[in-house]
Amino acid sequence: MLLGLVFEKLKDIDEEVIVALAADHSTPCERREHSGEPVPVAIWGESIIRDKIELYDEIECSAGGLGRIKENDFNRILLDYLELTKKEGN
């Protein structure tokens, strides 16, 4: 529900805002140390299509609309949402 709380606070903002959440590393409870596993990411904005994910954790986010992406792809996706990338194709 953390994700819902964060986004609930943003709903009354009048201007277009894009919020991105990303963890810097995974820390499984069993290992009690950092691991190389994928981390959860979430992107929110009024013009962004919403998926069905409600929780911000590794398992839930892995099933979300972003799927499994690499760090450079995350940056490119954000820049595209901000309309800062060059459009290619026709």
PDB file of N, CA and C in Angstrom:
ATOM      1  N   MET A   1       0.791  -1.199   0.000  1.00  0.00           N
ATOM      2  CA  MET A   1       0.000   0.000   0.000  1.00  0.00           C
ATOM      3  C   MET A   1       0.837   1.270   0.000  1.00  0.00           C
ATOM      4  N   LEU A   2       2.147   1.137   0.202  1.00  0.00           N
ATOM      5  CA  LEU A   2       3.022   2.311   0.173  1.00  0.00           C
ATOM      6  C   LEU A   2       2.854   3.071  -1.128  1.00  0.00           C
ATOM      7  N   LEU A   3       2.804   2.340  -2.226  1.00  0.00           N
ATOM      8  CA  LEU A   3       2.648   2.976  -3.533  1.00  0.00           C
ATOM      9  C   LEU A   3       1.365   3.794  -3.580  1.00  0.00           C
ATOM     10  N   GLY A   4       0.275   3.245  -3.082  1.00  0.00           N
ATOM     11  CA  GLY A   4      -0.989   3.961  -3.059  1.00  0.00           C
ATOM     12  C   GLY A   4      -0.917   5.230  -2.224  1.00  0.00           C
ATOM     13  N   LEU A   5      -0.216   5.181  -1.093  1.00  0.00           N
ATOM     14  CA  LEU A   5      -0.080   6.360  -0.234  1.00  0.00           C
ATOM     15  C   LEU A   5       0.702   7.462  -0.931  1.00  0.00           C
ATOM     16  N   VAL A   6       1.774   7.092  -1.595  1.00  0.00           N
ATOM     17  CA  VAL A   6       2.584   8.084  -2.310  1.00  0.00           C
ATOM     18  C   VAL A   6       1.755   8.745  -3.400  1.00  0.00           C
ATOM     19  N   PHE A   7       1.085   7.939  -4.201  1.00  0.00           N
ATOM     20  CA  PHE A   7       0.341   8.477  -5.329  1.00  0.00           C
ATOM     21  C   PHE A   7      -0.919   9.206  -4.892  1.00  0.00           C
ATOM     22  N   GLU A   8      -1.490   8.823  -3.783  1.00  0.00           N
ATOM     23  CA  GLU A   8      -2.664   9.530  -3.246  1.00  0.00           C
ATOM     24  C   GLU A   8      -2.315  10.983  -2.942  1.00  0.00           C
ATOM     25  N   LYS A   9      -1.121  11.221  -2.436  1.00  0.00           N
ATOM     26  CA  LYS A   9      -0.685  12.582  -2.107  1.00  0.00           C
ATOM     27  C   LYS A   9      -0.486  13.428  -3.362  1.00  0.00           C
ATOM     28  N   LEU A  10      -0.245  12.782  -4.499  1.00  0.00           N
ATOM     29  CA  LEU A  10       0.045  13.504  -5.734  1.00  0.00           C
ATOM     30  C   LEU A  10      -1.191  13.840  -6.563  1.00  0.00           C
ATOM     31  N   LYS A  11      -2.325  13.248  -6.249  1.00  0.00           N
ATOM     32  CA  LYS A  11      -3.496  13.390  -7.121  1.00  0.00           C
ATOM     33  C   LYS A  11      -4.040  14.813  -7.216  1.00  0.00           C
ATOM     34  N   ASP A  12      -3.765  15.642  -6.230  1.00  0.00           N
ATOM     35  CA  ASP A  12      -4.301  17.004  -6.237  1.00  0.00           C
ATOM     36  C   ASP A  12      -3.357  18.032  -6.876  1.00  0.00           C
ATOM     37  N   ILE A  13      -2.230  17.588  -7.371  1.00  0.00           N
ATOM     38  CA  ILE A  13      -1.300  18.503  -8.034  1.00  0.00           C
ATOM     39  C   ILE A  13      -1.890  18.893  -9.384  1.00  0.00           C
ATOM     40  N   ASP A  14      -1.898  20.179  -9.685  1.00  0.00           N
ATOM     41  CA  ASP A  14      -2.538  20.680 -10.902  1.00  0.00           C
ATOM     42  C   ASP A  14      -1.719  20.453 -12.170  1.00  0.00           C
ATOM     43  N   GLU A  15      -0.414  20.424 -12.070  1.00  0.00           N
ATOM     44  CA  GLU A  15       0.411  20.289 -13.266  1.00  0.00           C
ATOM     45  C   GLU A  15       0.781  18.833 -13.515  1.00  0.00           C
ATOM     46  N   GLU A  16       1.233  18.557 -14.733  1.00  0.00           N
ATOM     47  CA  GLU A  16       1.660  17.204 -15.084  1.00  0.00           C
ATOM     48  C   GLU A  16       2.948  16.865 -14.333  1.00  0.00           C
ATOM     49  N   VAL A  17       2.893  15.804 -13.572  1.00  0.00           N
ATOM     50  CA  VAL A  17       4.043  15.346 -12.790  1.00  0.00           C
ATOM     51  C   VAL A  17       4.257  13.875 -13.087  1.00  0.00           C
ATOM     52  N   ILE A  18       5.501  13.483 -13.243  1.00  0.00           N
ATOM     53  CA  ILE A  18       5.848  12.075 -13.386  1.00  0.00           C
ATOM     54  C   ILE A  18       6.744  11.720 -12.213  1.00  0.00           C
ATOM     55  N   VAL A  19       6.375  10.652 -11.515  1.00  0.00           N
ATOM     56  CA  VAL A  19       7.137  10.197 -10.350  1.00  0.00           C
ATOM     57  C   VAL A  19       7.690   8.812 -10.655  1.00  0.00           C
ATOM     58  N   ALA A  20       8.964   8.628 -10.382  1.00  0.00           N
ATOM     59  CA  ALA A  20       9.600   7.324 -10.571  1.00  0.00           C
ATOM     60  C   ALA A  20      10.193   6.876  -9.238  1.00  0.00           C
ATOM     61  N   LEU A  21       9.903   5.645  -8.864  1.00  0.00           N
ATOM     62  CA  LEU A  21      10.469   5.052  -7.661  1.00  0.00           C
ATOM     63  C   LEU A  21      11.351   3.883  -8.082  1.00  0.00           C
ATOM     64  N   ALA A  22      12.537   3.805  -7.519  1.00  0.00           N
ATOM     65  CA  ALA A  22      13.433   2.685  -7.798  1.00  0.00           C
ATOM     66  C   ALA A  22      14.298   2.428  -6.581  1.00  0.00           C
ATOM     67  N   ALA A  23      14.484   1.173  -6.286  1.00  0.00           N
ATOM     68  CA  ALA A  23      15.380   0.799  -5.192  1.00  0.00           C
ATOM     69  C   ALA A  23      16.804   0.712  -5.730  1.00  0.00           C
ATOM     70  N   ASP A  24      17.789   0.872  -4.868  1.00  0.00           N
ATOM     71  CA  ASP A  24      19.175   0.812  -5.345  1.00  0.00           C
ATOM     72  C   ASP A  24      19.743  -0.600  -5.319  1.00  0.00           C
ATOM     73  N   HIS A  25      19.150  -1.490  -4.538  1.00  0.00           N
ATOM     74  CA  HIS A  25      19.589  -2.882  -4.500  1.00  0.00           C
ATOM     75  C   HIS A  25      18.539  -3.728  -3.802  1.00  0.00           C
ATOM     76  N   SER A  26      18.597  -5.016  -4.055  1.00  0.00           N
ATOM     77  CA  SER A  26      17.703  -5.954  -3.391  1.00  0.00           C
ATOM     78  C   SER A  26      18.411  -6.489  -2.150  1.00  0.00           C
ATOM     79  N   THR A  27      17.658  -6.694  -1.079  1.00  0.00           N
ATOM     80  CA  THR A  27      18.219  -7.243   0.159  1.00  0.00           C
ATOM     81  C   THR A  27      17.258  -8.311   0.682  1.00  0.00           C
ATOM     82  N   PRO A  28      17.368  -9.534   0.164  1.00  0.00           N
ATOM     83  CA  PRO A  28      16.476 -10.601   0.621  1.00  0.00           C
ATOM     84  C   PRO A  28      16.658 -10.882   2.117  1.00  0.00           C
ATOM     85  N   CYS A  29      15.549 -11.085   2.816  1.00  0.00           N
ATOM     86  CA  CYS A  29      15.605 -11.352   4.264  1.00  0.00           C
ATOM     87  C   CYS A  29      16.429 -12.603   4.569  1.00  0.00           C
ATOM     88  N   GLU A  30      16.308 -13.624   3.716  1.00  0.00           N
ATOM     89  CA  GLU A  30      17.032 -14.873   3.957  1.00  0.00           C
ATOM     90  C   GLU A  30      18.550 -14.677   3.940  1.00  0.00           C
ATOM     91  N   ARG A  31      19.020 -13.807   3.061  1.00  0.00           N
ATOM     92  CA  ARG A  31      20.459 -13.584   2.909  1.00  0.00           C
ATOM     93  C   ARG A  31      20.999 -12.551   3.882  1.00  0.00           C
ATOM     94  N   ARG A  32      20.146 -11.612   4.276  1.00  0.00           N
ATOM     95  CA  ARG A  32      20.536 -10.522   5.174  1.00  0.00           C
ATOM     96  C   ARG A  32      21.695  -9.691   4.632  1.00  0.00           C
ATOM     97  N   GLU A  33      21.782  -9.616   3.314  1.00  0.00           N
ATOM     98  CA  GLU A  33      22.782  -8.782   2.653  1.00  0.00           C
ATOM     99  C   GLU A  33      22.289  -8.465   1.245  1.00  0.00           C
ATOM    100  N   HIS A  34      22.954  -7.530   0.605  1.00  0.00           N
ATOM    101  CA  HIS A  34      22.563  -7.140  -0.754  1.00  0.00           C
ATOM    102  C   HIS A  34      22.741  -8.306  -1.709  1.00  0.00           C
ATOM    103  N   SER A  35      21.923  -8.317  -2.755  1.00  0.00           N
ATOM    104  CA  SER A  35      22.051  -9.349  -3.781  1.00  0.00           C
ATOM    105  C   SER A  35      21.948  -8.689  -5.152  1.00  0.00           C
ATOM    106  N   GLY A  36      22.189  -9.453  -6.168  1.00  0.00           N
ATOM    107  CA  GLY A  36      22.117  -8.947  -7.536  1.00  0.00           C
ATOM    108  C   GLY A  36      20.759  -9.135  -8.174  1.00  0.00           C
ATOM    109  N   GLU A  37      19.747  -9.459  -7.408  1.00  0.00           N
ATOM    110  CA  GLU A  37      18.408  -9.681  -7.944  1.00  0.00           C
ATOM    111  C   GLU A  37      17.799  -8.366  -8.442  1.00  0.00           C
ATOM    112  N   PRO A  38      16.836  -8.452  -9.350  1.00  0.00           N
ATOM    113  CA  PRO A  38      16.177  -7.235  -9.842  1.00  0.00           C
ATOM    114  C   PRO A  38      15.502  -6.456  -8.709  1.00  0.00           C
ATOM    115  N   VAL A  39      15.437  -5.155  -8.867  1.00  0.00           N
ATOM    116  CA  VAL A  39      14.785  -4.292  -7.872  1.00  0.00           C
ATOM    117  C   VAL A  39      13.456  -3.792  -8.422  1.00  0.00           C
ATOM    118  N   PRO A  40      12.519  -3.466  -7.540  1.00  0.00           N
ATOM    119  CA  PRO A  40      11.244  -2.945  -8.015  1.00  0.00           C
ATOM    120  C   PRO A  40      11.370  -1.511  -8.503  1.00  0.00           C
ATOM    121  N   VAL A  41      10.644  -1.188  -9.564  1.00  0.00           N
ATOM    122  CA  VAL A  41      10.549   0.183 -10.058  1.00  0.00           C
ATOM    123  C   VAL A  41       9.078   0.486 -10.324  1.00  0.00           C
ATOM    124  N   ALA A  42       8.731   1.739 -10.204  1.00  0.00           N
ATOM    125  CA  ALA A  42       7.363   2.172 -10.493  1.00  0.00           C
ATOM    126  C   ALA A  42       7.426   3.566 -11.096  1.00  0.00           C
ATOM    127  N   ILE A  43       6.566   3.812 -12.079  1.00  0.00           N
ATOM    128  CA  ILE A  43       6.468   5.128 -12.699  1.00  0.00           C
ATOM    129  C   ILE A  43       4.996   5.522 -12.674  1.00  0.00           C
ATOM    130  N   TRP A  44       4.718   6.746 -12.236  1.00  0.00           N
ATOM    131  CA  TRP A  44       3.341   7.224 -12.137  1.00  0.00           C
ATOM    132  C   TRP A  44       3.215   8.588 -12.792  1.00  0.00           C
ATOM    133  N   GLY A  45       2.125   8.788 -13.466  1.00  0.00           N
ATOM    134  CA  GLY A  45       1.787  10.076 -14.056  1.00  0.00           C
ATOM    135  C   GLY A  45       0.395   9.983 -14.646  1.00  0.00           C
ATOM    136  N   GLU A  46      -0.273  11.107 -14.756  1.00  0.00           N
ATOM    137  CA  GLU A  46      -1.645  11.108 -15.268  1.00  0.00           C
ATOM    138  C   GLU A  46      -1.747  10.532 -16.680  1.00  0.00           C
ATOM    139  N   SER A  47      -0.728  10.729 -17.506  1.00  0.00           N
ATOM    140  CA  SER A  47      -0.790  10.268 -18.893  1.00  0.00           C
ATOM    141  C   SER A  47      -0.183   8.873 -19.093  1.00  0.00           C
ATOM    142  N   ILE A  48       0.227   8.229 -18.017  1.00  0.00           N
ATOM    143  CA  ILE A  48       0.849   6.910 -18.116  1.00  0.00           C
ATOM    144  C   ILE A  48      -0.193   5.826 -17.868  1.00  0.00           C
ATOM    145  N   ILE A  49      -0.234   4.841 -18.754  1.00  0.00           N
ATOM    146  CA  ILE A  49      -1.194   3.747 -18.614  1.00  0.00           C
ATOM    147  C   ILE A  49      -0.899   2.978 -17.328  1.00  0.00           C
ATOM    148  N   ARG A  50      -1.942   2.737 -16.557  1.00  0.00           N
ATOM    149  CA  ARG A  50      -1.812   2.069 -15.263  1.00  0.00           C
ATOM    150  C   ARG A  50      -1.958   0.556 -15.427  1.00  0.00           C
ATOM    151  N   ASP A  51      -1.094  -0.193 -14.743  1.00  0.00           N
ATOM    152  CA  ASP A  51      -1.266  -1.642 -14.712  1.00  0.00           C
ATOM    153  C   ASP A  51      -2.024  -2.011 -13.436  1.00  0.00           C
ATOM    154  N   LYS A  52      -2.045  -3.271 -13.065  1.00  0.00           N
ATOM    155  CA  LYS A  52      -2.844  -3.703 -11.915  1.00  0.00           C
ATOM    156  C   LYS A  52      -2.028  -3.868 -10.636  1.00  0.00           C
ATOM    157  N   ILE A  53      -0.781  -3.457 -10.647  1.00  0.00           N
ATOM    158  CA  ILE A  53       0.077  -3.629  -9.481  1.00  0.00           C
ATOM    159  C   ILE A  53      -0.310  -2.626  -8.397  1.00  0.00           C
ATOM    160  N   GLU A  54      -0.463  -3.114  -7.174  1.00  0.00           N
ATOM    161  CA  GLU A  54      -0.871  -2.283  -6.038  1.00  0.00           C
ATOM    162  C   GLU A  54       0.218  -2.167  -4.977  1.00  0.00           C
ATOM    163  N   LEU A  55       1.160  -3.099  -4.953  1.00  0.00           N
ATOM    164  CA  LEU A  55       2.225  -3.101  -3.941  1.00  0.00           C
ATOM    165  C   LEU A  55       3.567  -2.814  -4.589  1.00  0.00           C
ATOM    166  N   TYR A  56       4.439  -2.160  -3.850  1.00  0.00           N
ATOM    167  CA  TYR A  56       5.792  -1.863  -4.347  1.00  0.00           C
ATOM    168  C   TYR A  56       6.758  -2.834  -3.683  1.00  0.00           C
ATOM    169  N   ASP A  57       6.934  -3.980  -4.310  1.00  0.00           N
ATOM    170  CA  ASP A  57       7.928  -4.949  -3.853  1.00  0.00           C
ATOM    171  C   ASP A  57       8.436  -5.739  -5.060  1.00  0.00           C
ATOM    172  N   GLU A  58       9.468  -6.542  -4.846  1.00  0.00           N
ATOM    173  CA  GLU A  58      10.101  -7.242  -5.957  1.00  0.00           C
ATOM    174  C   GLU A  58       9.145  -8.151  -6.718  1.00  0.00           C
ATOM    175  N   ILE A  59       8.341  -8.912  -5.995  1.00  0.00           N
ATOM    176  CA  ILE A  59       7.449  -9.876  -6.640  1.00  0.00           C
ATOM    177  C   ILE A  59       6.356  -9.164  -7.436  1.00  0.00           C
ATOM    178  N   GLU A  60       5.661  -8.224  -6.802  1.00  0.00           N
ATOM    179  CA  GLU A  60       4.567  -7.530  -7.477  1.00  0.00           C
ATOM    180  C   GLU A  60       5.062  -6.744  -8.693  1.00  0.00           C
ATOM    181  N   CYS A  61       6.123  -5.974  -8.532  1.00  0.00           N
ATOM    182  CA  CYS A  61       6.602  -5.133  -9.635  1.00  0.00           C
ATOM    183  C   CYS A  61       7.107  -5.962 -10.814  1.00  0.00           C
ATOM    184  N   SER A  62       7.601  -7.179 -10.544  1.00  0.00           N
ATOM    185  CA  SER A  62       8.086  -8.009 -11.653  1.00  0.00           C
ATOM    186  C   SER A  62       6.950  -8.421 -12.580  1.00  0.00           C
ATOM    187  N   ALA A  63       5.713  -8.366 -12.092  1.00  0.00           N
ATOM    188  CA  ALA A  63       4.546  -8.722 -12.907  1.00  0.00           C
ATOM    189  C   ALA A  63       3.880  -7.495 -13.516  1.00  0.00           C
ATOM    190  N   GLY A  64       4.462  -6.322 -13.331  1.00  0.00           N
ATOM    191  CA  GLY A  64       3.861  -5.088 -13.817  1.00  0.00           C
ATOM    192  C   GLY A  64       4.093  -4.820 -15.287  1.00  0.00           C
ATOM    193  N   GLY A  65       3.560  -3.713 -15.733  1.00  0.00           N
ATOM    194  CA  GLY A  65       3.613  -3.330 -17.137  1.00  0.00           C
ATOM    195  C   GLY A  65       5.012  -3.050 -17.674  1.00  0.00           C
ATOM    196  N   LEU A  66       5.945  -2.694 -16.798  1.00  0.00           N
ATOM    197  CA  LEU A  66       7.317  -2.451 -17.252  1.00  0.00           C
ATOM    198  C   LEU A  66       8.080  -3.744 -17.473  1.00  0.00           C
ATOM    199  N   GLY A  67       7.603  -4.835 -16.877  1.00  0.00           N
ATOM    200  CA  GLY A  67       8.291  -6.109 -17.007  1.00  0.00           C
ATOM    201  C   GLY A  67       9.656  -6.049 -16.352  1.00  0.00           C
ATOM    202  N   ARG A  68      10.609  -6.745 -16.934  1.00  0.00           N
ATOM    203  CA  ARG A  68      11.979  -6.757 -16.416  1.00  0.00           C
ATOM    204  C   ARG A  68      12.840  -5.942 -17.366  1.00  0.00           C
ATOM    205  N   ILE A  69      13.384  -4.846 -16.881  1.00  0.00           N
ATOM    206  CA  ILE A  69      14.159  -3.946 -17.731  1.00  0.00           C
ATOM    207  C   ILE A  69      15.546  -3.723 -17.141  1.00  0.00           C
ATOM    208  N   LYS A  70      16.462  -3.264 -17.979  1.00  0.00           N
ATOM    209  CA  LYS A  70      17.818  -2.929 -17.535  1.00  0.00           C
ATOM    210  C   LYS A  70      17.869  -1.462 -17.151  1.00  0.00           C
ATOM    211  N   GLU A  71      18.897  -1.093 -16.396  1.00  0.00           N
ATOM    212  CA  GLU A  71      19.002   0.278 -15.877  1.00  0.00           C
ATOM    213  C   GLU A  71      18.961   1.339 -16.969  1.00  0.00           C
ATOM    214  N   ASN A  72      19.625   1.122 -18.079  1.00  0.00           N
ATOM    215  CA  ASN A  72      19.607   2.110 -19.160  1.00  0.00           C
ATOM    216  C   ASN A  72      18.214   2.241 -19.779  1.00  0.00           C
ATOM    217  N   ASP A  73      17.478   1.133 -19.828  1.00  0.00           N
ATOM    218  CA  ASP A  73      16.115   1.185 -20.360  1.00  0.00           C
ATOM    219  C   ASP A  73      15.216   2.007 -19.447  1.00  0.00           C
ATOM    220  N   PHE A  74      15.420   1.919 -18.148  1.00  0.00           N
ATOM    221  CA  PHE A  74      14.625   2.691 -17.196  1.00  0.00           C
ATOM    222  C   PHE A  74      14.802   4.183 -17.478  1.00  0.00           C
ATOM    223  N   ASN A  75      16.035   4.610 -17.673  1.00  0.00           N
ATOM    224  CA  ASN A  75      16.304   6.021 -17.985  1.00  0.00           C
ATOM    225  C   ASN A  75      15.653   6.429 -19.303  1.00  0.00           C
ATOM    226  N   ARG A  76      15.753   5.594 -20.317  1.00  0.00           N
ATOM    227  CA  ARG A  76      15.153   5.908 -21.621  1.00  0.00           C
ATOM    228  C   ARG A  76      13.623   5.991 -21.527  1.00  0.00           C
ATOM    229  N   ILE A  77      13.021   5.100 -20.754  1.00  0.00           N
ATOM    230  CA  ILE A  77      11.568   5.132 -20.578  1.00  0.00           C
ATOM    231  C   ILE A  77      11.151   6.450 -19.923  1.00  0.00           C
ATOM    232  N   LEU A  78      11.873   6.863 -18.882  1.00  0.00           N
ATOM    233  CA  LEU A  78      11.551   8.134 -18.218  1.00  0.00           C
ATOM    234  C   LEU A  78      11.704   9.316 -19.163  1.00  0.00           C
ATOM    235  N   LEU A  79      12.792   9.345 -19.917  1.00  0.00           N
ATOM    236  CA  LEU A  79      13.004  10.439 -20.865  1.00  0.00           C
ATOM    237  C   LEU A  79      11.918  10.466 -21.934  1.00  0.00           C
ATOM    238  N   ASP A  80      11.462   9.293 -22.343  1.00  0.00           N
ATOM    239  CA  ASP A  80      10.394   9.228 -23.336  1.00  0.00           C
ATOM    240  C   ASP A  80       9.096   9.783 -22.761  1.00  0.00           C
ATOM    241  N   TYR A  81       8.755   9.412 -21.530  1.00  0.00           N
ATOM    242  CA  TYR A  81       7.553   9.959 -20.893  1.00  0.00           C
ATOM    243  C   TYR A  81       7.640  11.477 -20.733  1.00  0.00           C
ATOM    244  N   LEU A  82       8.839  11.991 -20.528  1.00  0.00           N
ATOM    245  CA  LEU A  82       9.037  13.429 -20.399  1.00  0.00           C
ATOM    246  C   LEU A  82       9.122  14.125 -21.751  1.00  0.00           C
ATOM    247  N   GLU A  83       8.991  13.334 -22.825  1.00  0.00           N
ATOM    248  CA  GLU A  83       9.068  13.821 -24.209  1.00  0.00           C
ATOM    249  C   GLU A  83      10.401  14.505 -24.495  1.00  0.00           C
ATOM    250  N   LEU A  84      11.474  13.889 -23.998  1.00  0.00           N
ATOM    251  CA  LEU A  84      12.818  14.420 -24.211  1.00  0.00           C
ATOM    252  C   LEU A  84      13.656  13.539 -25.139  1.00  0.00           C
ATOM    253  N   THR A  85      13.032  12.534 -25.735  1.00  0.00           N
ATOM    254  CA  THR A  85      13.770  11.662 -26.647  1.00  0.00           C
ATOM    255  C   THR A  85      13.395  11.989 -28.097  1.00  0.00           C
ATOM    256  N   LYS A  86      14.327  11.734 -28.985  1.00  0.00           N
ATOM    257  CA  LYS A  86      14.078  11.931 -30.400  1.00  0.00           C
ATOM    258  C   LYS A  86      13.187  10.796 -30.903  1.00  0.00           C
ATOM    259  N   LYS A  87      12.122  11.147 -31.559  1.00  0.00           N
ATOM    260  CA  LYS A  87      11.214  10.151 -32.124  1.00  0.00           C
ATOM    261  C   LYS A  87      11.833   9.555 -33.378  1.00  0.00           C
ATOM    262  N   GLU A  88      11.752   8.241 -33.514  1.00  0.00           N
ATOM    263  CA  GLU A  88      12.314   7.563 -34.683  1.00  0.00           C
ATOM    264  C   GLU A  88      11.200   6.880 -35.446  1.00  0.00           C
ATOM    265  N   GLY A  89      11.444   6.634 -36.713  1.00  0.00           N
ATOM    266  CA  GLY A  89      10.455   5.971 -37.548  1.00  0.00           C
ATOM    267  C   GLY A  89       9.563   6.982 -38.236  1.00  0.00           C
ATOM    268  N   ASN A  90       8.471   6.508 -38.796  1.00  0.00           N
ATOM    269  CA  ASN A  90       7.535   7.376 -39.538  1.00  0.00           C
ATOM    270  C   ASN A  90       6.556   8.063 -38.649  1.00  0.00           C
TER     271      ASN A  90
END
